[in-house]
Amino acid sequence: MARLGAAVNIVTTDGPAGRHGFTASAVCSVTDTPPTLLVCLNKGSSASAVFHANGVLCVNTLAAGHEALSNLFGGRTPPAERFAAAQWKVAATGAPMLVDAVAAFDCRIVRTVEVGTHDVLFCEVVGLAEGGVPHGLIYFSRRYHAIRGGHGGGEE
């Protein structure tokens, strides 16, 4: 799986069960009508029960330079300390939205499918914010790599 490169995201939630978040590269577009993403969540993680109880999440796509934040949300750091390391605003669903994300997708979880050790969360997008950040972040071969954004159809 390390050879399958992917964008790096911090997936967040807030609601009656509390505030939590985790780093994920297993995020994918499913359909544009209705706009839907899938997010894979480890059933054994401390975040799992919180996300299921809240029923909402925000997929925050990270920019180059967010490597330390990704590591923080991917480790065993308590949620309050994770969130203290960046600036957040509250999305329409109540989920935390990273202020300087490349893009942030505010979602409601509409379906869950269990697959092995993970739950696949199907999430309908109810809001979107773009951060205007030109450089994205991918994870490939167990390392972070900055990627440069395009110029709207022209050559780079």
N, C-alpha and C. Protein backbone atom coordinates (compact mmCIF):
# COMPACT_ATOMS: atom_id res chain seq x y z
N MET A 1 0.81 -1.21 0.00
CA MET A 1 0.00 0.00 0.00
C MET A 1 0.85 1.27 0.00
N ALA A 2 2.10 1.15 0.46
CA ALA A 2 2.98 2.33 0.48
C ALA A 2 3.28 2.86 -0.92
N ARG A 3 3.09 2.04 -1.94
CA ARG A 3 3.35 2.45 -3.32
C ARG A 3 2.15 3.13 -3.97
N LEU A 4 1.05 3.24 -3.23
CA LEU A 4 -0.15 3.90 -3.72
C LEU A 4 -0.18 5.32 -3.15
N GLY A 5 0.30 6.28 -3.93
CA GLY A 5 0.36 7.66 -3.46
C GLY A 5 -1.02 8.28 -3.33
N ALA A 6 -1.16 9.21 -2.39
CA ALA A 6 -2.46 9.84 -2.16
C ALA A 6 -2.28 11.19 -1.47
N ALA A 7 -3.29 12.03 -1.63
CA ALA A 7 -3.32 13.30 -0.92
C ALA A 7 -3.39 13.04 0.58
N VAL A 8 -2.84 13.96 1.36
CA VAL A 8 -2.86 13.84 2.82
C VAL A 8 -3.98 14.75 3.35
N ASN A 9 -4.81 14.19 4.20
CA ASN A 9 -5.96 14.92 4.74
C ASN A 9 -6.01 14.78 6.25
N ILE A 10 -6.54 15.79 6.91
CA ILE A 10 -6.92 15.67 8.31
C ILE A 10 -8.44 15.68 8.32
N VAL A 11 -9.01 14.61 8.87
CA VAL A 11 -10.45 14.46 8.93
C VAL A 11 -10.87 14.80 10.36
N THR A 12 -11.81 15.73 10.49
CA THR A 12 -12.21 16.24 11.80
C THR A 12 -13.71 16.09 12.03
N THR A 13 -14.09 16.10 13.30
CA THR A 13 -15.50 16.09 13.68
C THR A 13 -15.67 16.86 14.99
N ASP A 14 -16.89 17.31 15.22
CA ASP A 14 -17.26 17.89 16.50
C ASP A 14 -18.77 17.73 16.64
N GLY A 15 -19.22 17.58 17.86
CA GLY A 15 -20.64 17.39 18.11
C GLY A 15 -20.86 16.85 19.51
N PRO A 16 -21.99 16.21 19.74
CA PRO A 16 -22.33 15.71 21.09
C PRO A 16 -21.28 14.77 21.68
N ALA A 17 -20.59 14.01 20.84
CA ALA A 17 -19.59 13.05 21.34
C ALA A 17 -18.21 13.68 21.52
N GLY A 18 -18.07 14.96 21.15
CA GLY A 18 -16.79 15.65 21.33
C GLY A 18 -16.08 15.93 20.01
N ARG A 19 -14.89 16.50 20.17
CA ARG A 19 -14.07 16.93 19.04
C ARG A 19 -12.95 15.92 18.84
N HIS A 20 -12.72 15.52 17.60
CA HIS A 20 -11.65 14.57 17.31
C HIS A 20 -11.18 14.77 15.88
N GLY A 21 -10.04 14.18 15.56
CA GLY A 21 -9.53 14.25 14.20
C GLY A 21 -8.40 13.26 14.01
N PHE A 22 -8.17 12.88 12.76
CA PHE A 22 -7.10 11.95 12.42
C PHE A 22 -6.58 12.24 11.02
N THR A 23 -5.37 11.80 10.76
CA THR A 23 -4.76 11.94 9.44
C THR A 23 -5.19 10.76 8.58
N ALA A 24 -5.55 11.05 7.32
CA ALA A 24 -6.00 10.00 6.41
C ALA A 24 -5.51 10.26 4.99
N SER A 25 -5.03 9.22 4.36
CA SER A 25 -4.77 9.30 2.92
C SER A 25 -5.81 8.47 2.18
N ALA A 26 -6.60 7.68 2.89
CA ALA A 26 -7.65 6.85 2.29
C ALA A 26 -8.94 7.65 2.20
N VAL A 27 -8.94 8.64 1.29
CA VAL A 27 -10.08 9.51 1.03
C VAL A 27 -10.23 9.56 -0.49
N CYS A 28 -11.45 9.49 -0.98
CA CYS A 28 -11.64 9.43 -2.42
C CYS A 28 -12.99 10.03 -2.82
N SER A 29 -13.04 10.65 -3.98
CA SER A 29 -14.30 11.10 -4.54
C SER A 29 -15.10 9.89 -5.01
N VAL A 30 -16.41 9.89 -4.74
CA VAL A 30 -17.27 8.79 -5.16
C VAL A 30 -18.14 9.22 -6.33
N THR A 31 -18.82 10.35 -6.18
CA THR A 31 -19.71 10.85 -7.23
C THR A 31 -19.89 12.36 -7.05
N ASP A 32 -20.29 13.03 -8.13
CA ASP A 32 -20.54 14.47 -8.00
C ASP A 32 -22.03 14.79 -7.86
N THR A 33 -22.91 13.79 -8.04
CA THR A 33 -24.34 14.01 -7.89
C THR A 33 -24.96 12.89 -7.08
N PRO A 34 -25.23 13.07 -5.79
CA PRO A 34 -24.81 14.23 -4.99
C PRO A 34 -23.31 14.14 -4.71
N PRO A 35 -22.67 15.28 -4.47
CA PRO A 35 -21.23 15.25 -4.20
C PRO A 35 -20.94 14.40 -2.96
N THR A 36 -20.14 13.35 -3.15
CA THR A 36 -19.90 12.37 -2.10
C THR A 36 -18.45 11.94 -2.08
N LEU A 37 -17.88 11.87 -0.89
CA LEU A 37 -16.52 11.36 -0.69
C LEU A 37 -16.62 10.08 0.13
N LEU A 38 -15.57 9.26 0.06
CA LEU A 38 -15.47 8.18 1.02
C LEU A 38 -14.23 8.40 1.86
N VAL A 39 -14.34 8.02 3.12
CA VAL A 39 -13.25 8.14 4.09
C VAL A 39 -13.14 6.81 4.81
N CYS A 40 -11.92 6.26 4.87
CA CYS A 40 -11.71 5.00 5.58
C CYS A 40 -11.22 5.30 6.99
N LEU A 41 -11.90 4.70 7.98
CA LEU A 41 -11.64 4.95 9.39
C LEU A 41 -11.40 3.62 10.10
N ASN A 42 -10.27 3.50 10.78
CA ASN A 42 -9.94 2.29 11.52
C ASN A 42 -10.95 2.11 12.66
N LYS A 43 -11.62 0.95 12.68
CA LYS A 43 -12.64 0.69 13.70
C LYS A 43 -12.06 0.64 15.11
N GLY A 44 -10.76 0.33 15.24
CA GLY A 44 -10.13 0.23 16.55
C GLY A 44 -9.54 1.53 17.05
N SER A 45 -9.65 2.60 16.28
CA SER A 45 -9.04 3.88 16.68
C SER A 45 -9.88 4.58 17.75
N SER A 46 -9.23 5.49 18.47
CA SER A 46 -9.94 6.29 19.48
C SER A 46 -10.96 7.22 18.84
N ALA A 47 -10.78 7.54 17.57
CA ALA A 47 -11.67 8.45 16.86
C ALA A 47 -12.96 7.79 16.40
N SER A 48 -12.96 6.50 16.22
CA SER A 48 -14.08 5.80 15.57
C SER A 48 -15.44 6.09 16.22
N ALA A 49 -15.57 5.87 17.50
CA ALA A 49 -16.86 6.07 18.17
C ALA A 49 -17.31 7.52 18.10
N VAL A 50 -16.36 8.45 18.18
CA VAL A 50 -16.69 9.88 18.14
C VAL A 50 -17.26 10.26 16.77
N PHE A 51 -16.63 9.81 15.70
CA PHE A 51 -17.12 10.13 14.35
C PHE A 51 -18.50 9.52 14.11
N HIS A 52 -18.69 8.28 14.51
CA HIS A 52 -20.00 7.64 14.32
C HIS A 52 -21.09 8.35 15.11
N ALA A 53 -20.80 8.73 16.33
CA ALA A 53 -21.81 9.40 17.16
C ALA A 53 -22.15 10.79 16.64
N ASN A 54 -21.15 11.53 16.16
CA ASN A 54 -21.42 12.89 15.67
C ASN A 54 -22.10 12.90 14.31
N GLY A 55 -21.75 11.95 13.45
CA GLY A 55 -22.40 11.86 12.14
C GLY A 55 -21.98 12.90 11.13
N VAL A 56 -20.99 13.73 11.46
CA VAL A 56 -20.50 14.76 10.55
C VAL A 56 -18.98 14.75 10.56
N LEU A 57 -18.40 15.27 9.46
CA LEU A 57 -16.95 15.39 9.42
C LEU A 57 -16.55 16.42 8.39
N CYS A 58 -15.30 16.85 8.48
CA CYS A 58 -14.73 17.74 7.49
C CYS A 58 -13.41 17.12 7.02
N VAL A 59 -13.28 16.96 5.71
CA VAL A 59 -12.04 16.48 5.11
C VAL A 59 -11.22 17.71 4.74
N ASN A 60 -10.10 17.89 5.44
CA ASN A 60 -9.22 19.04 5.23
C ASN A 60 -7.98 18.57 4.47
N THR A 61 -7.89 18.94 3.19
CA THR A 61 -6.77 18.51 2.34
C THR A 61 -5.57 19.40 2.65
N LEU A 62 -4.46 18.76 3.02
CA LEU A 62 -3.30 19.49 3.50
C LEU A 62 -2.43 20.05 2.38
N ALA A 63 -1.74 21.12 2.73
CA ALA A 63 -0.82 21.79 1.82
C ALA A 63 0.62 21.41 2.16
N ALA A 64 1.51 21.66 1.23
CA ALA A 64 2.93 21.51 1.51
C ALA A 64 3.24 22.39 2.72
N GLY A 65 4.03 21.89 3.64
CA GLY A 65 4.31 22.61 4.87
C GLY A 65 3.49 22.13 6.06
N HIS A 66 2.49 21.28 5.81
CA HIS A 66 1.65 20.75 6.88
C HIS A 66 2.12 19.39 7.40
N GLU A 67 3.34 19.01 7.09
CA GLU A 67 3.84 17.68 7.48
C GLU A 67 3.78 17.47 9.00
N ALA A 68 4.19 18.45 9.78
CA ALA A 68 4.18 18.31 11.24
C ALA A 68 2.75 18.16 11.76
N LEU A 69 1.81 18.90 11.18
CA LEU A 69 0.41 18.80 11.59
C LEU A 69 -0.14 17.40 11.24
N SER A 70 0.23 16.90 10.07
CA SER A 70 -0.18 15.55 9.69
C SER A 70 0.33 14.52 10.68
N ASN A 71 1.59 14.64 11.05
CA ASN A 71 2.18 13.70 12.01
C ASN A 71 1.49 13.79 13.37
N LEU A 72 1.16 15.00 13.79
CA LEU A 72 0.50 15.21 15.07
C LEU A 72 -0.87 14.51 15.10
N PHE A 73 -1.66 14.68 14.03
CA PHE A 73 -2.98 14.07 13.97
C PHE A 73 -2.90 12.57 13.69
N GLY A 74 -1.75 12.09 13.24
CA GLY A 74 -1.58 10.68 12.97
C GLY A 74 -1.01 9.89 14.14
N GLY A 75 -0.67 10.59 15.22
CA GLY A 75 -0.07 9.94 16.37
C GLY A 75 -1.03 9.74 17.52
N ARG A 76 -0.46 9.61 18.71
CA ARG A 76 -1.26 9.33 19.91
C ARG A 76 -1.46 10.59 20.77
N THR A 77 -1.28 11.74 20.18
CA THR A 77 -1.46 13.01 20.88
C THR A 77 -2.94 13.21 21.21
N PRO A 78 -3.27 13.67 22.42
CA PRO A 78 -4.68 13.92 22.77
C PRO A 78 -5.31 14.93 21.81
N PRO A 79 -6.61 14.76 21.51
CA PRO A 79 -7.27 15.63 20.54
C PRO A 79 -7.11 17.13 20.82
N ALA A 80 -7.21 17.56 22.06
CA ALA A 80 -7.10 18.99 22.37
C ALA A 80 -5.75 19.55 21.93
N GLU A 81 -4.68 18.78 22.12
CA GLU A 81 -3.35 19.23 21.71
C GLU A 81 -3.22 19.25 20.19
N ARG A 82 -3.86 18.32 19.52
CA ARG A 82 -3.83 18.30 18.05
C ARG A 82 -4.42 19.60 17.50
N PHE A 83 -5.59 19.95 18.00
CA PHE A 83 -6.29 21.13 17.48
C PHE A 83 -5.59 22.43 17.86
N ALA A 84 -4.84 22.44 18.95
CA ALA A 84 -4.14 23.66 19.38
C ALA A 84 -3.00 24.03 18.44
N ALA A 85 -2.59 23.12 17.57
CA ALA A 85 -1.44 23.34 16.69
C ALA A 85 -1.77 24.05 15.38
N ALA A 86 -3.03 24.40 15.16
CA ALA A 86 -3.42 25.05 13.90
C ALA A 86 -4.63 25.96 14.15
N GLN A 87 -4.98 26.74 13.12
CA GLN A 87 -6.16 27.61 13.20
C GLN A 87 -7.34 26.93 12.53
N TRP A 88 -8.48 26.96 13.21
CA TRP A 88 -9.68 26.29 12.73
C TRP A 88 -10.84 27.26 12.73
N LYS A 89 -11.81 27.03 11.85
CA LYS A 89 -13.10 27.71 11.93
C LYS A 89 -14.16 26.62 11.98
N VAL A 90 -15.37 26.98 12.30
CA VAL A 90 -16.44 26.01 12.43
C VAL A 90 -17.21 25.94 11.11
N ALA A 91 -17.28 24.75 10.53
CA ALA A 91 -18.04 24.54 9.30
C ALA A 91 -19.53 24.51 9.61
N ALA A 92 -20.36 24.49 8.59
CA ALA A 92 -21.81 24.50 8.76
C ALA A 92 -22.30 23.30 9.59
N THR A 93 -21.64 22.15 9.45
CA THR A 93 -22.05 20.97 10.22
C THR A 93 -21.57 21.02 11.66
N GLY A 94 -20.67 21.96 11.97
CA GLY A 94 -20.06 22.03 13.29
C GLY A 94 -18.67 21.42 13.34
N ALA A 95 -18.26 20.74 12.27
CA ALA A 95 -16.94 20.13 12.23
C ALA A 95 -15.86 21.20 12.07
N PRO A 96 -14.68 20.99 12.68
CA PRO A 96 -13.58 21.93 12.53
C PRO A 96 -13.03 21.94 11.10
N MET A 97 -12.84 23.14 10.55
CA MET A 97 -12.33 23.33 9.20
C MET A 97 -10.99 24.06 9.30
N LEU A 98 -9.94 23.46 8.76
CA LEU A 98 -8.59 24.03 8.80
C LEU A 98 -8.55 25.29 7.94
N VAL A 99 -8.16 26.40 8.54
CA VAL A 99 -8.16 27.69 7.86
C VAL A 99 -7.27 27.70 6.62
N ASP A 100 -6.09 27.08 6.69
CA ASP A 100 -5.17 27.13 5.54
C ASP A 100 -5.05 25.80 4.80
N ALA A 101 -6.16 25.06 4.73
CA ALA A 101 -6.20 23.83 3.94
C ALA A 101 -6.23 24.18 2.45
N VAL A 102 -5.77 23.27 1.61
CA VAL A 102 -5.90 23.44 0.17
C VAL A 102 -7.39 23.50 -0.19
N ALA A 103 -8.15 22.58 0.40
CA ALA A 103 -9.60 22.54 0.27
C ALA A 103 -10.15 21.86 1.52
N ALA A 104 -11.37 22.21 1.88
CA ALA A 104 -12.03 21.58 3.02
C ALA A 104 -13.45 21.23 2.60
N PHE A 105 -13.81 19.96 2.81
CA PHE A 105 -15.11 19.43 2.41
C PHE A 105 -15.92 19.14 3.67
N ASP A 106 -16.94 19.92 3.90
CA ASP A 106 -17.82 19.76 5.06
C ASP A 106 -18.88 18.73 4.70
N CYS A 107 -19.00 17.67 5.51
CA CYS A 107 -19.83 16.52 5.12
C CYS A 107 -20.70 15.97 6.23
N ARG A 108 -21.76 15.29 5.80
CA ARG A 108 -22.59 14.47 6.67
C ARG A 108 -22.36 13.01 6.27
N ILE A 109 -22.16 12.15 7.26
CA ILE A 109 -21.98 10.72 6.98
C ILE A 109 -23.34 10.13 6.66
N VAL A 110 -23.49 9.57 5.45
CA VAL A 110 -24.79 9.06 5.02
C VAL A 110 -24.85 7.54 4.96
N ARG A 111 -23.69 6.88 5.00
CA ARG A 111 -23.68 5.41 4.95
C ARG A 111 -22.33 4.92 5.45
N THR A 112 -22.33 3.76 6.08
CA THR A 112 -21.10 3.13 6.56
C THR A 112 -21.08 1.68 6.12
N VAL A 113 -19.93 1.24 5.59
CA VAL A 113 -19.74 -0.14 5.18
C VAL A 113 -18.50 -0.66 5.90
N GLU A 114 -18.64 -1.80 6.57
CA GLU A 114 -17.50 -2.41 7.26
C GLU A 114 -16.70 -3.25 6.27
N VAL A 115 -15.36 -3.04 6.25
CA VAL A 115 -14.46 -3.82 5.42
C VAL A 115 -13.22 -4.13 6.25
N GLY A 116 -13.09 -5.35 6.69
CA GLY A 116 -11.93 -5.75 7.49
C GLY A 116 -11.81 -4.92 8.75
N THR A 117 -10.65 -4.29 8.92
CA THR A 117 -10.37 -3.50 10.12
C THR A 117 -10.93 -2.09 10.06
N HIS A 118 -11.52 -1.72 8.93
CA HIS A 118 -11.95 -0.33 8.74
C HIS A 118 -13.44 -0.21 8.44
N ASP A 119 -13.96 0.98 8.71
CA ASP A 119 -15.28 1.38 8.24
C ASP A 119 -15.06 2.33 7.08
N VAL A 120 -15.79 2.11 6.00
CA VAL A 120 -15.77 3.04 4.88
C VAL A 120 -16.97 3.96 5.07
N LEU A 121 -16.69 5.23 5.30
CA LEU A 121 -17.73 6.23 5.54
C LEU A 121 -18.05 6.92 4.22
N PHE A 122 -19.29 6.87 3.80
CA PHE A 122 -19.73 7.61 2.63
C PHE A 122 -20.29 8.93 3.12
N CYS A 123 -19.74 10.02 2.62
CA CYS A 123 -19.98 11.35 3.19
C CYS A 123 -20.48 12.31 2.13
N GLU A 124 -21.70 12.80 2.31
CA GLU A 124 -22.26 13.77 1.37
C GLU A 124 -21.73 15.16 1.70
N VAL A 125 -21.16 15.80 0.69
CA VAL A 125 -20.57 17.13 0.86
C VAL A 125 -21.68 18.17 0.91
N VAL A 126 -21.71 18.95 2.00
CA VAL A 126 -22.72 20.00 2.15
C VAL A 126 -22.10 21.39 2.07
N GLY A 127 -20.77 21.47 2.06
CA GLY A 127 -20.09 22.75 1.96
C GLY A 127 -18.64 22.54 1.55
N LEU A 128 -18.07 23.56 0.93
CA LEU A 128 -16.70 23.49 0.44
C LEU A 128 -16.02 24.82 0.64
N ALA A 129 -14.76 24.78 1.06
CA ALA A 129 -13.95 25.99 1.17
C ALA A 129 -12.61 25.71 0.49
N GLU A 130 -12.14 26.68 -0.27
CA GLU A 130 -10.83 26.57 -0.90
C GLU A 130 -9.90 27.57 -0.23
N GLY A 131 -8.68 27.11 0.08
CA GLY A 131 -7.75 27.95 0.79
C GLY A 131 -6.84 28.81 -0.07
N GLY A 132 -6.85 28.60 -1.38
CA GLY A 132 -5.99 29.37 -2.26
C GLY A 132 -4.52 29.02 -2.13
N VAL A 133 -4.23 27.87 -1.55
CA VAL A 133 -2.85 27.41 -1.35
C VAL A 133 -2.39 26.73 -2.64
N PRO A 134 -1.25 27.14 -3.21
CA PRO A 134 -0.83 26.59 -4.50
C PRO A 134 -0.15 25.23 -4.47
N HIS A 135 0.30 24.77 -3.32
CA HIS A 135 1.06 23.52 -3.26
C HIS A 135 0.40 22.51 -2.34
N GLY A 136 0.12 21.32 -2.89
CA GLY A 136 -0.50 20.26 -2.12
C GLY A 136 0.53 19.35 -1.49
N LEU A 137 0.05 18.34 -0.77
CA LEU A 137 0.90 17.40 -0.07
C LEU A 137 0.40 15.99 -0.35
N ILE A 138 1.31 15.12 -0.81
CA ILE A 138 0.95 13.72 -1.00
C ILE A 138 1.87 12.85 -0.16
N TYR A 139 1.41 11.62 0.07
CA TYR A 139 2.20 10.64 0.82
C TYR A 139 2.43 9.47 -0.12
N PHE A 140 3.70 9.17 -0.37
CA PHE A 140 4.07 8.10 -1.28
C PHE A 140 5.36 7.46 -0.80
N SER A 141 5.40 6.14 -0.77
CA SER A 141 6.58 5.39 -0.37
C SER A 141 7.06 5.80 1.03
N ARG A 142 6.09 5.97 1.94
CA ARG A 142 6.32 6.31 3.34
C ARG A 142 7.01 7.67 3.55
N ARG A 143 6.79 8.58 2.61
CA ARG A 143 7.37 9.93 2.71
C ARG A 143 6.38 10.95 2.17
N TYR A 144 6.49 12.18 2.70
CA TYR A 144 5.71 13.30 2.19
C TYR A 144 6.40 13.88 0.97
N HIS A 145 5.56 14.37 0.03
CA HIS A 145 6.07 15.03 -1.16
C HIS A 145 5.17 16.22 -1.45
N ALA A 146 5.77 17.38 -1.68
CA ALA A 146 5.01 18.56 -2.07
C ALA A 146 4.71 18.46 -3.55
N ILE A 147 3.51 18.86 -3.94
CA ILE A 147 3.17 18.90 -5.35
C ILE A 147 2.71 20.30 -5.70
N ARG A 148 3.01 20.69 -6.89
CA ARG A 148 2.67 22.04 -7.35
C ARG A 148 1.35 22.01 -8.09
N GLY A 149 0.49 22.97 -7.81
CA GLY A 149 -0.80 23.05 -8.47
C GLY A 149 -0.66 23.55 -9.89
N GLY A 150 -1.68 23.25 -10.69
CA GLY A 150 -1.69 23.67 -12.08
C GLY A 150 -2.05 25.13 -12.23
N HIS A 151 -2.07 25.56 -13.48
CA HIS A 151 -2.36 26.96 -13.79
C HIS A 151 -3.62 27.12 -14.61
N GLY A 152 -4.61 26.27 -14.35
CA GLY A 152 -5.90 26.42 -15.02
C GLY A 152 -5.91 26.00 -16.48
N GLY A 153 -5.24 24.90 -16.84
CA GLY A 153 -5.33 24.38 -18.18
C GLY A 153 -4.09 24.57 -19.01
N GLY A 154 -3.18 25.46 -18.60
CA GLY A 154 -1.95 25.66 -19.35
C GLY A 154 -0.87 24.70 -18.90
N GLU A 155 0.25 24.76 -19.59
CA GLU A 155 1.38 23.90 -19.19
C GLU A 155 2.08 24.48 -17.99
N GLU A 156 2.70 23.59 -17.22
CA GLU A 156 3.44 24.04 -16.03
C GLU A 156 4.88 24.29 -16.35
